Structures are given as structure tokens and as C-alpha cells.
């Protein structure tokens, strides 16, 4: 006799493992929810709400951790860690739906998170006429900065002709998207006017949209720049302030543009790093919804290197899977970042191997798109990682 553990991430994996032991197919549907365990963190509950959740979970064979003062109502609010199998949590949803005190609405949120954790289904994202297949393999976004001062490649592609040559090279090397930026966001950068940003990007953009077969994303925080770029034919907007500045949401809605929203903040203070990040994204998603932007056109970026210390960046990488609760594609931008430089004590030009490590880990933890400078090398890393972590990633296993 031997005992070993299994890693079961979702219902479909559970069904597969149950089938492998020879179980009757008729029981797979009933057994699978018992094989998947979830730990959900719920914030902002009153003692009454927390007590109800605790008792309901205990009654179903699960459990919930609550603040010490919940039982005698000596605290105003409590976070709750709900721990149980899918079967127990689905039963909790049914009971909460019948409860007062706002718990019915909470049950809908729990159901939404559980659905998201089952995995994102592959789909084709329409980028204003160009199609990106999301979820079947990791996509590669090539970074093209037409700036004099970007931290890694500032000044190299300021000339529109050189920018086009570089974009064509990245397309040949395996880029699925080109991300065009006209303003440096390196630490201590000087913000430029919309006019200057447009002066930098428009000559290159007009050539890129004519010559490239792949979509072009414009990396900007200014709504007027985004609008002008979309008029010129850009396919995606990459907003580093996640709709928090100006009328970016209205622009994205008007042009029906796919949208990348990045986590960002002034300073590095957090009460709960990933909890604060997820709350930030939910606020931006509410802004998008109010503007009429379809959720299916949104991609999220955890913002490695923005509003985070080295330790917080590394923690974000370790906990990347927690973004799965939002059910949205994830873009990861770690290429040559200071996180790598500080960890390895290397300048920007010597961070290829460090970038490769972050790319591989990021894909294993759920990233759908990687944003990189070194397209050829990172496309290979992505393909190899896909072969290990994505079922049916299109790799010839006999090659």
C-alpha cells in the first residue's frame, strides 16, 4: 500500500482523477465537488453576518475563521476565512441566498468567485478587426518605446523608421502584439504633455498599423492620446492607471477598444497587498461597466514595479493565482524590471535570464500575456512553459 497527494485545482481535474480510479461515471458529477477545496476571504462583515457564515459552514462540515470579538460582538467588522469543499460552499450559497442582513447579495459574489476559479475558457478577442486567441497559449507582447528616456531602450527607436524595423523584427520573432509607448514611466520620470506624447507616437503608429499583421497596443494614461491613437488605427489601449484618470473609460467605450488595466498607486502602503489589488481592479471594472465597456474586452495587469517595493513585487509574483477570482485574462510585465535587477544585482541589459524566470513562473501561475523586450527568447520560454502547464498547447511532443 502507498499513499501520495494529488493537486486538484478545479472540478474538471477532479472528474479526471475520479475516473482514473475506475469510479462509476454516474457518480463523477456528485463526487467532483467534494475533491476540490477552496479558501475564500471575505472582508467587511458585521459580527452577525460572520456568525451566520461560521455556523452554516460548521453545519456543512466545513469551517470559517473569524475575528475573536465576533462571538460577543465586541468588534464592528471582521474578515472571515471560509474553508470548505465546492460541495460545502455551494450549499452555503443556497443557504445565504435565503438569509437577511445583506447575505443574499454576498452569496452572488461567492458564486461568481467560485465560477471564476474553475478556469478561464479560451476565447477570441476582437481587437478592432484583428483577432487574438486568449487562453489556448501564452501570447507575447513586444515592447516598443519611442521615448528618449525609457529605462531599458530609451532613444533606440525614437526614429519612426527604426521603430517600424524593430516592430517587424519582433513580429517575425513571435510577438502577437506590439505595445507602443511614448512616455517613460521609469521611477522619477517627468510627465509630458499630450501634445508631446502624440508627437512621439503618431509617426510610428501610422506605419505600424499599415505594415504589421498583428495588433498594436498603445501604452498611455491620457484619454486624448488614446482617442487619437484609436482614430489612427490602434487596436488596444494599455492604461497604466486603470481608468482612474480623465475620460479614458469613455474613449474605450466609444471606440469599442480592448483595454488593459494595470494596478498602480502612489506609495507602497497596503493593508492587504492582494486584497487591495483585487479591490482596486473591482473599482476599475465598475468604472468600465458604468461607461458601457463589455467586461469580455478587459485584461488585467498586476503592475509589477508600480507602487510596490521589491518584497511586494516578489509577493505579487508568488500570489499571482489569487487574481483568478476576477475571471479575467492576466497580462504580466516583468521584463528587465528593477525587481530582477535588485534580486540579481544586474543592470537592465543583463536581465534576460531573470526575466525568463519571471515569465515561466507567471505563465505557470496563470498569466495569459507576457509583455517583454526580448521577444525571441521569451517566446521560446513561453512555448516551453505552455508545453508543461497548458493542455493541448500545440507543441509537437515527438519533435
Protein backbone atom coordinates (compact mmCIF):
# COMPACT_ATOMS: atom_id res chain seq x y z
CA UNK A 1 0.00 0.00 0.00
CA UNK A 2 1.14 3.52 -0.81
CA UNK A 3 -0.18 6.99 -0.08
CA UNK A 4 0.51 10.14 -2.11
CA UNK A 5 -1.06 13.53 -2.60
CA UNK A 6 -2.83 14.93 -5.66
CA UNK A 7 -3.08 18.55 -6.72
CA UNK A 8 -6.65 19.16 -7.87
CA UNK A 9 -7.31 22.75 -8.93
CA UNK A 10 -10.85 22.56 -10.29
CA UNK A 11 -13.90 20.44 -10.92
CA UNK A 12 -12.74 19.12 -14.30
CA UNK A 13 -9.44 17.89 -12.86
CA UNK A 14 -11.37 16.24 -10.04
CA UNK A 15 -13.57 14.38 -12.53
CA UNK A 16 -10.46 13.16 -14.35
CA UNK A 17 -8.84 11.81 -11.18
CA UNK A 18 -12.09 10.14 -10.07
CA UNK A 19 -12.40 8.50 -13.48
CA UNK A 20 -8.85 7.16 -13.24
CA UNK A 21 -9.61 5.11 -10.13
CA UNK A 22 -12.40 3.36 -12.04
CA UNK A 23 -15.35 5.03 -10.35
CA UNK A 24 -18.79 4.68 -11.92
CA UNK A 25 -19.29 7.55 -14.44
CA UNK A 26 -22.70 8.24 -12.95
CA UNK A 27 -21.07 9.38 -9.72
CA UNK A 28 -18.43 11.71 -11.16
CA UNK A 29 -20.70 14.75 -11.10
CA UNK A 30 -21.53 14.20 -7.41
CA UNK A 31 -18.06 13.29 -6.26
CA UNK A 32 -16.07 16.02 -8.05
CA UNK A 33 -17.23 18.96 -5.85
CA UNK A 34 -16.04 17.01 -2.79
CA UNK A 35 -12.49 16.75 -4.19
CA UNK A 36 -11.92 20.50 -4.69
CA UNK A 37 -11.15 22.59 -1.61
CA UNK A 38 -11.34 26.38 -1.53
CA UNK A 39 -10.32 29.03 0.99
CA UNK A 40 -12.21 32.30 0.44
CA UNK A 41 -11.50 35.55 2.27
CA UNK A 42 -14.49 37.81 2.87
CA UNK A 43 -13.95 41.34 4.19
CA UNK A 44 -16.13 43.91 5.90
CA UNK A 45 -18.64 41.62 7.59
CA UNK A 46 -20.61 42.54 10.69
CA UNK A 47 -20.42 40.13 13.66
CA UNK A 48 -23.95 38.97 12.85
CA UNK A 49 -23.02 38.16 9.26
CA UNK A 50 -19.78 36.47 10.29
CA UNK A 51 -21.53 34.33 12.91
CA UNK A 52 -24.13 33.14 10.41
CA UNK A 53 -21.45 32.15 7.91
CA UNK A 54 -19.45 30.38 10.62
CA UNK A 55 -22.45 28.36 11.80
CA UNK A 56 -23.58 27.49 8.30
CA UNK A 57 -20.13 26.22 7.34
CA UNK A 58 -19.82 24.16 10.54
CA UNK A 59 -23.20 22.62 9.81
CA UNK A 60 -21.99 21.51 6.40
CA UNK A 61 -18.73 20.00 7.59
CA UNK A 62 -16.57 22.98 6.64
CA UNK A 63 -15.36 25.82 8.84
CA UNK A 64 -14.74 29.54 8.96
CA UNK A 65 -12.15 31.59 10.84
CA UNK A 66 -13.50 34.84 12.27
CA UNK A 67 -12.16 37.63 14.48
CA UNK A 68 -12.10 36.84 18.22
CA UNK A 69 -14.63 39.56 19.00
CA UNK A 70 -17.30 38.23 16.65
CA UNK A 71 -18.95 35.91 19.16
CA UNK A 72 -19.70 38.71 21.66
CA UNK A 73 -19.99 41.46 19.02
CA UNK A 74 -17.10 43.39 20.58
CA UNK A 75 -15.75 44.22 17.09
CA UNK A 76 -17.57 46.27 14.48
CA UNK A 77 -16.28 44.36 11.46
CA UNK A 78 -14.49 41.09 10.78
CA UNK A 79 -12.73 39.37 7.96
CA UNK A 80 -13.73 35.74 7.52
CA UNK A 81 -11.77 32.86 6.02
CA UNK A 82 -14.27 30.35 4.67
CA UNK A 83 -12.80 26.87 4.26
CA UNK A 84 -14.55 24.02 2.57
CA UNK A 85 -15.09 21.84 -0.48
CA UNK A 86 -17.02 23.03 -3.51
CA UNK A 87 -19.94 20.92 -2.34
CA UNK A 88 -19.97 22.65 1.06
CA UNK A 89 -19.57 26.11 -0.45
CA UNK A 90 -22.32 25.53 -2.98
CA UNK A 91 -24.60 24.50 -0.11
CA UNK A 92 -23.56 27.68 1.73
CA UNK A 93 -24.58 29.77 -1.28
CA UNK A 94 -28.05 28.22 -1.22
CA UNK A 95 -28.50 28.98 2.49
CA UNK A 96 -27.13 32.53 2.30
CA UNK A 97 -29.48 33.28 -0.57
CA UNK A 98 -32.34 32.89 1.91
CA UNK A 99 -30.74 34.97 4.67
CA UNK A 100 -31.34 38.65 5.52
CA UNK A 101 -28.64 41.18 6.57
CA UNK A 102 -27.22 41.53 3.04
CA UNK A 103 -26.12 37.90 2.87
CA UNK A 104 -28.20 37.18 -0.22
CA UNK A 105 -26.10 39.61 -2.25
CA UNK A 106 -22.94 38.12 -0.74
CA UNK A 107 -24.00 34.68 -1.97
CA UNK A 108 -23.94 36.01 -5.53
CA UNK A 109 -20.37 37.25 -5.04
CA UNK A 110 -19.26 33.89 -3.66
CA UNK A 111 -20.84 32.11 -6.61
CA UNK A 112 -19.10 34.46 -9.05
CA UNK A 113 -15.70 33.83 -7.45
CA UNK A 114 -16.17 30.05 -7.41
CA UNK A 115 -17.11 30.13 -11.09
CA UNK A 116 -14.02 32.19 -11.90
CA UNK A 117 -11.76 29.76 -10.02
CA UNK A 118 -12.87 26.92 -12.29
CA UNK A 119 -10.68 28.44 -15.00
CA UNK A 120 -10.97 30.88 -17.88
CA UNK A 121 -12.32 29.38 -21.07
CA UNK A 122 -10.31 30.16 -24.23
CA UNK A 123 -11.89 32.77 -26.50
CA UNK A 124 -11.07 35.03 -29.43
CA UNK A 125 -10.68 38.70 -28.52
CA UNK A 126 -11.70 41.01 -31.35
CA UNK A 127 -9.16 43.84 -31.40
CA UNK A 128 -10.99 46.17 -33.75
CA UNK A 129 -10.72 43.72 -36.63
CA UNK A 130 -7.67 41.72 -35.57
CA UNK A 131 -8.23 38.55 -33.55
CA UNK A 132 -6.22 37.43 -30.53
CA UNK A 133 -6.74 33.84 -29.27
CA UNK A 134 -6.72 34.11 -25.49
CA UNK A 135 -6.29 31.05 -23.31
CA UNK A 136 -5.05 28.46 -25.80
CA UNK A 137 -1.41 29.55 -25.49
CA UNK A 138 0.55 32.38 -23.90
CA UNK A 139 0.63 35.50 -26.07
CA UNK A 140 3.75 37.63 -26.38
CA UNK A 141 3.54 41.43 -26.32
CA UNK A 142 6.64 43.14 -27.66
CA UNK A 143 7.62 46.44 -26.03
CA UNK A 144 8.37 49.32 -28.41
CA UNK A 145 9.24 52.60 -26.73
CA UNK A 146 9.56 55.71 -28.89
CA UNK A 147 10.96 57.69 -25.99
CA UNK A 148 14.31 59.30 -25.24
CA UNK A 149 14.36 58.18 -21.61
CA UNK A 150 12.81 54.72 -21.04
CA UNK A 151 14.81 52.70 -18.50
CA UNK A 152 15.92 49.94 -20.88
CA UNK A 153 15.63 51.03 -24.51
CA UNK A 154 15.20 54.80 -24.31
CA UNK A 155 16.24 56.57 -27.52
CA UNK A 156 16.84 53.42 -29.57
CA UNK A 157 13.61 53.57 -31.57
CA UNK A 158 12.77 57.28 -31.46
CA UNK A 159 13.03 57.41 -35.25
CA UNK A 160 9.79 56.12 -36.91
CA UNK A 161 11.73 54.06 -39.45
CA UNK A 162 13.77 52.31 -36.77
CA UNK A 163 10.58 51.78 -34.74
CA UNK A 164 8.93 50.04 -37.70
CA UNK A 165 12.00 47.88 -38.32
CA UNK A 166 12.02 46.82 -34.66
CA UNK A 167 8.28 46.06 -34.70
CA UNK A 168 8.64 43.94 -37.84
CA UNK A 169 11.58 42.13 -36.22
CA UNK A 170 9.55 41.39 -33.10
CA UNK A 171 6.63 40.17 -35.21
CA UNK A 172 8.99 37.80 -37.04
CA UNK A 173 10.41 36.59 -33.72
CA UNK A 174 6.99 35.63 -32.37
CA UNK A 175 5.26 38.73 -31.00
CA UNK A 176 1.47 38.56 -31.03
CA UNK A 177 1.03 42.24 -30.08
CA UNK A 178 3.25 45.33 -30.26
CA UNK A 179 2.88 47.73 -27.34
CA UNK A 180 3.82 51.25 -28.42
CA UNK A 181 4.72 53.75 -25.71
CA UNK A 182 5.62 57.43 -25.95
CA UNK A 183 6.13 58.32 -22.30
CA UNK A 184 8.61 56.78 -19.89
CA UNK A 185 7.22 55.50 -16.59
CA UNK A 186 10.58 54.76 -15.03
CA UNK A 187 10.99 55.88 -11.40
CA UNK A 188 11.44 59.66 -11.27
CA UNK A 189 10.21 60.20 -14.84
CA UNK A 190 8.95 63.61 -15.92
CA UNK A 191 5.37 63.62 -17.18
CA UNK A 192 4.99 65.03 -20.69
CA UNK A 193 2.08 66.86 -22.33
CA UNK A 194 -0.45 65.04 -24.52
CA UNK A 195 0.86 67.03 -27.48
CA UNK A 196 4.41 65.82 -26.93
CA UNK A 197 3.26 62.23 -26.46
CA UNK A 198 1.27 62.32 -29.71
CA UNK A 199 4.23 63.91 -31.48
CA UNK A 200 6.32 60.92 -30.42
CA UNK A 201 3.95 58.05 -31.16
CA UNK A 202 1.84 59.07 -34.14
CA UNK A 203 4.53 58.87 -36.88
CA UNK A 204 5.46 55.36 -35.74
CA UNK A 205 1.86 54.27 -35.15
CA UNK A 206 0.72 55.27 -38.63
CA UNK A 207 3.41 52.99 -40.09
CA UNK A 208 2.83 50.11 -37.68
CA UNK A 209 -0.90 49.79 -38.32
CA UNK A 210 -0.26 49.70 -42.07
CA UNK A 211 2.66 47.28 -42.08
CA UNK A 212 2.06 44.81 -39.23
CA UNK A 213 -0.22 41.80 -39.36
CA UNK A 214 -0.58 41.76 -35.55
CA UNK A 215 -2.48 44.19 -33.31
CA UNK A 216 -0.86 47.34 -31.98
CA UNK A 217 -1.48 48.42 -28.40
CA UNK A 218 -0.85 52.00 -27.28
CA UNK A 219 0.54 52.41 -23.78
CA UNK A 220 -0.88 55.71 -22.48
CA UNK A 221 -2.65 57.19 -19.48
CA UNK A 222 -4.11 60.15 -21.40
CA UNK A 223 -7.60 59.88 -22.89
CA UNK A 224 -6.89 62.40 -25.66
CA UNK A 225 -3.82 60.42 -26.74
CA UNK A 226 -5.80 57.16 -26.65
CA UNK A 227 -8.57 58.66 -28.79
CA UNK A 228 -6.15 59.99 -31.39
CA UNK A 229 -4.32 56.65 -31.50
CA UNK A 230 -7.55 54.73 -31.98
CA UNK A 231 -8.56 57.09 -34.78
CA UNK A 232 -5.23 56.32 -36.43
CA UNK A 233 -5.97 52.58 -36.22
CA UNK A 234 -4.55 51.34 -32.90
CA UNK A 235 -6.22 48.15 -31.73
CA UNK A 236 -5.82 48.08 -27.92
CA UNK A 237 -5.39 50.65 -25.15
CA UNK A 238 -2.96 49.84 -22.33
CA UNK A 239 -3.87 52.13 -19.40
CA UNK A 240 -1.42 52.20 -16.50
CA UNK A 241 -3.93 53.99 -14.28
CA UNK A 242 -6.86 51.64 -14.93
CA UNK A 243 -9.46 54.26 -15.96
CA UNK A 244 -8.67 56.47 -12.94
CA UNK A 245 -7.59 59.49 -14.98
CA UNK A 246 -9.60 61.66 -17.35
CA UNK A 247 -12.15 60.17 -19.73
CA UNK A 248 -10.29 57.00 -20.68
CA UNK A 249 -13.33 54.80 -19.99
CA UNK A 250 -15.50 56.88 -22.30
CA UNK A 251 -12.85 56.70 -25.06
CA UNK A 252 -12.50 52.91 -24.79
CA UNK A 253 -16.29 52.53 -24.86
CA UNK A 254 -16.70 54.87 -27.85
CA UNK A 255 -14.15 53.04 -29.99
CA UNK A 256 -15.02 49.56 -28.66
CA UNK A 257 -11.36 49.00 -27.90
CA UNK A 258 -10.00 46.13 -25.84
CA UNK A 259 -8.50 47.55 -22.68
CA UNK A 260 -5.60 46.59 -20.42
CA UNK A 261 -5.96 47.99 -16.91
CA UNK A 262 -2.94 47.96 -14.63
CA UNK A 263 -2.75 48.12 -10.85
CA UNK A 264 -0.95 51.26 -9.77
CA UNK A 265 -0.83 53.60 -6.79
CA UNK A 266 1.17 56.39 -5.21
CA UNK A 267 3.35 54.99 -2.44
CA UNK A 268 3.71 51.41 -1.25
CA UNK A 269 1.34 51.22 1.74
CA UNK A 270 -1.13 48.31 1.75
CA UNK A 271 -3.44 46.86 4.36
CA UNK A 272 -3.55 43.57 2.39
CA UNK A 273 -1.46 43.52 -0.79
CA UNK A 274 -3.54 41.17 -2.95
CA UNK A 275 -6.82 42.12 -1.30
CA UNK A 276 -6.17 45.80 -2.00
CA UNK A 277 -5.15 45.00 -5.57
CA UNK A 278 -8.30 43.00 -6.24
CA UNK A 279 -10.45 45.75 -4.71
CA UNK A 280 -8.67 48.25 -6.99
CA UNK A 281 -9.49 46.16 -10.06
CA UNK A 282 -13.11 45.80 -8.99
CA UNK A 283 -13.40 49.57 -8.68
CA UNK A 284 -11.96 49.99 -12.19
CA UNK A 285 -14.31 47.31 -13.51
CA UNK A 286 -17.21 49.26 -12.02
CA UNK A 287 -15.99 52.38 -13.86
CA UNK A 288 -15.80 50.35 -17.07
CA UNK A 289 -19.28 48.91 -16.57
CA UNK A 290 -20.72 52.38 -15.95
CA UNK A 291 -19.14 53.59 -19.21
CA UNK A 292 -20.59 50.65 -21.14
CA UNK A 293 -17.36 48.68 -21.66
CA UNK A 294 -18.01 44.97 -22.06
CA UNK A 295 -16.13 43.01 -19.38
CA UNK A 296 -15.04 40.48 -22.02
CA UNK A 297 -12.81 43.17 -23.60
CA UNK A 298 -10.77 43.79 -20.41
CA UNK A 299 -7.36 42.38 -19.45
CA UNK A 300 -5.77 42.99 -16.05
CA UNK A 301 -2.12 43.64 -15.21
CA UNK A 302 -0.85 43.38 -11.59
CA UNK A 303 1.61 46.21 -12.22
CA UNK A 304 4.96 44.69 -11.24
CA UNK A 305 7.27 47.61 -10.45
CA UNK A 306 4.48 50.13 -9.87
CA UNK A 307 3.59 51.25 -6.33
CA UNK A 308 5.37 48.25 -4.82
CA UNK A 309 8.62 47.54 -3.02
CA UNK A 310 10.91 44.69 -4.07
CA UNK A 311 9.35 42.45 -1.43
CA UNK A 312 5.83 43.39 -2.56
CA UNK A 313 6.69 42.67 -6.20
CA UNK A 314 8.04 39.24 -5.26
CA UNK A 315 4.97 38.54 -3.12
CA UNK A 316 2.71 39.52 -6.02
CA UNK A 317 4.52 37.01 -8.22
CA UNK A 318 4.10 34.27 -5.61
CA UNK A 319 0.40 35.03 -5.19
CA UNK A 320 -0.49 35.70 -8.82
CA UNK A 321 -3.08 32.91 -8.80
CA UNK A 322 -5.22 34.97 -6.42
CA UNK A 323 -6.17 37.18 -9.36
CA UNK A 324 -8.09 34.19 -10.76
CA UNK A 325 -11.07 35.23 -8.64
CA UNK A 326 -11.74 38.05 -11.13
CA UNK A 327 -12.07 35.64 -14.04
CA UNK A 328 -10.18 37.93 -16.45
CA UNK A 329 -7.11 37.40 -18.67
CA UNK A 330 -3.87 38.46 -16.98
CA UNK A 331 -1.00 40.36 -18.59
CA UNK A 332 2.35 40.18 -16.83
CA UNK A 333 5.03 42.81 -17.41
CA UNK A 334 8.28 41.93 -15.64
CA UNK A 335 10.76 42.37 -18.47
CA UNK A 336 14.11 43.76 -17.26
CA UNK A 337 12.35 45.36 -14.27
CA UNK A 338 14.17 46.61 -11.18
CA UNK A 339 12.79 43.64 -9.23
CA UNK A 340 15.12 41.47 -11.30
CA UNK A 341 17.97 43.95 -11.11
CA UNK A 342 17.78 44.14 -7.33
CA UNK A 343 17.43 40.39 -6.86
CA UNK A 344 20.40 39.62 -9.13
CA UNK A 345 22.36 42.87 -8.76
CA UNK A 346 22.43 43.34 -12.54
CA UNK A 347 21.88 46.30 -14.92
CA UNK A 348 18.88 46.40 -17.27
CA UNK A 349 20.77 44.94 -20.22
CA UNK A 350 21.78 41.80 -18.28
CA UNK A 351 18.37 40.72 -17.02
CA UNK A 352 17.31 38.26 -19.74
CA UNK A 353 17.67 35.14 -17.57
CA UNK A 354 15.92 36.83 -14.65
CA UNK A 355 13.11 37.88 -16.96
CA UNK A 356 12.85 34.29 -18.23
CA UNK A 357 12.37 33.04 -14.66
CA UNK A 358 9.54 35.50 -14.02
CA UNK A 359 7.91 34.68 -17.35
CA UNK A 360 7.94 30.94 -16.69
CA UNK A 361 6.58 31.34 -13.16
CA UNK A 362 4.00 33.86 -14.32
CA UNK A 363 2.66 31.53 -17.01
CA UNK A 364 2.55 28.63 -14.54
CA UNK A 365 0.55 30.88 -12.21
CA UNK A 366 -1.98 31.90 -14.83
CA UNK A 367 -0.61 34.74 -16.98
CA UNK A 368 -2.15 34.81 -20.47
CA UNK A 369 0.06 37.52 -21.99
CA UNK A 370 3.69 38.40 -21.27
CA UNK A 371 4.98 41.90 -22.05
CA UNK A 372 8.68 41.71 -22.95
CA UNK A 373 11.64 43.41 -24.62
CA UNK A 374 13.41 40.20 -25.72
CA UNK A 375 10.73 38.66 -27.90
CA UNK A 376 12.65 35.77 -29.48
CA UNK A 377 13.99 34.47 -26.18
CA UNK A 378 10.78 34.95 -24.19
CA UNK A 379 8.60 33.46 -26.94
CA UNK A 380 10.68 30.29 -26.55
CA UNK A 381 10.32 30.39 -22.78
CA UNK A 382 6.56 30.81 -23.18
CA UNK A 383 6.28 27.92 -25.62
CA UNK A 384 8.24 25.59 -23.35
CA UNK A 385 6.25 26.64 -20.28
CA UNK A 386 2.99 26.18 -22.17
CA UNK A 387 4.06 22.65 -23.08
CA UNK A 388 4.31 21.90 -19.35
CA UNK A 389 1.31 23.74 -17.95
CA UNK A 390 -1.29 24.06 -20.71
CA UNK A 391 -3.12 21.00 -22.02
CA UNK A 392 -3.14 20.98 -25.80
CA UNK A 393 -0.81 23.95 -26.23
CA UNK A 394 0.06 22.87 -29.74
CA UNK A 395 3.61 21.64 -29.08
CA UNK A 396 4.89 18.69 -31.11
CA UNK A 397 5.82 16.27 -28.32
CA UNK A 398 7.53 13.96 -30.82
CA UNK A 399 9.74 16.72 -32.27
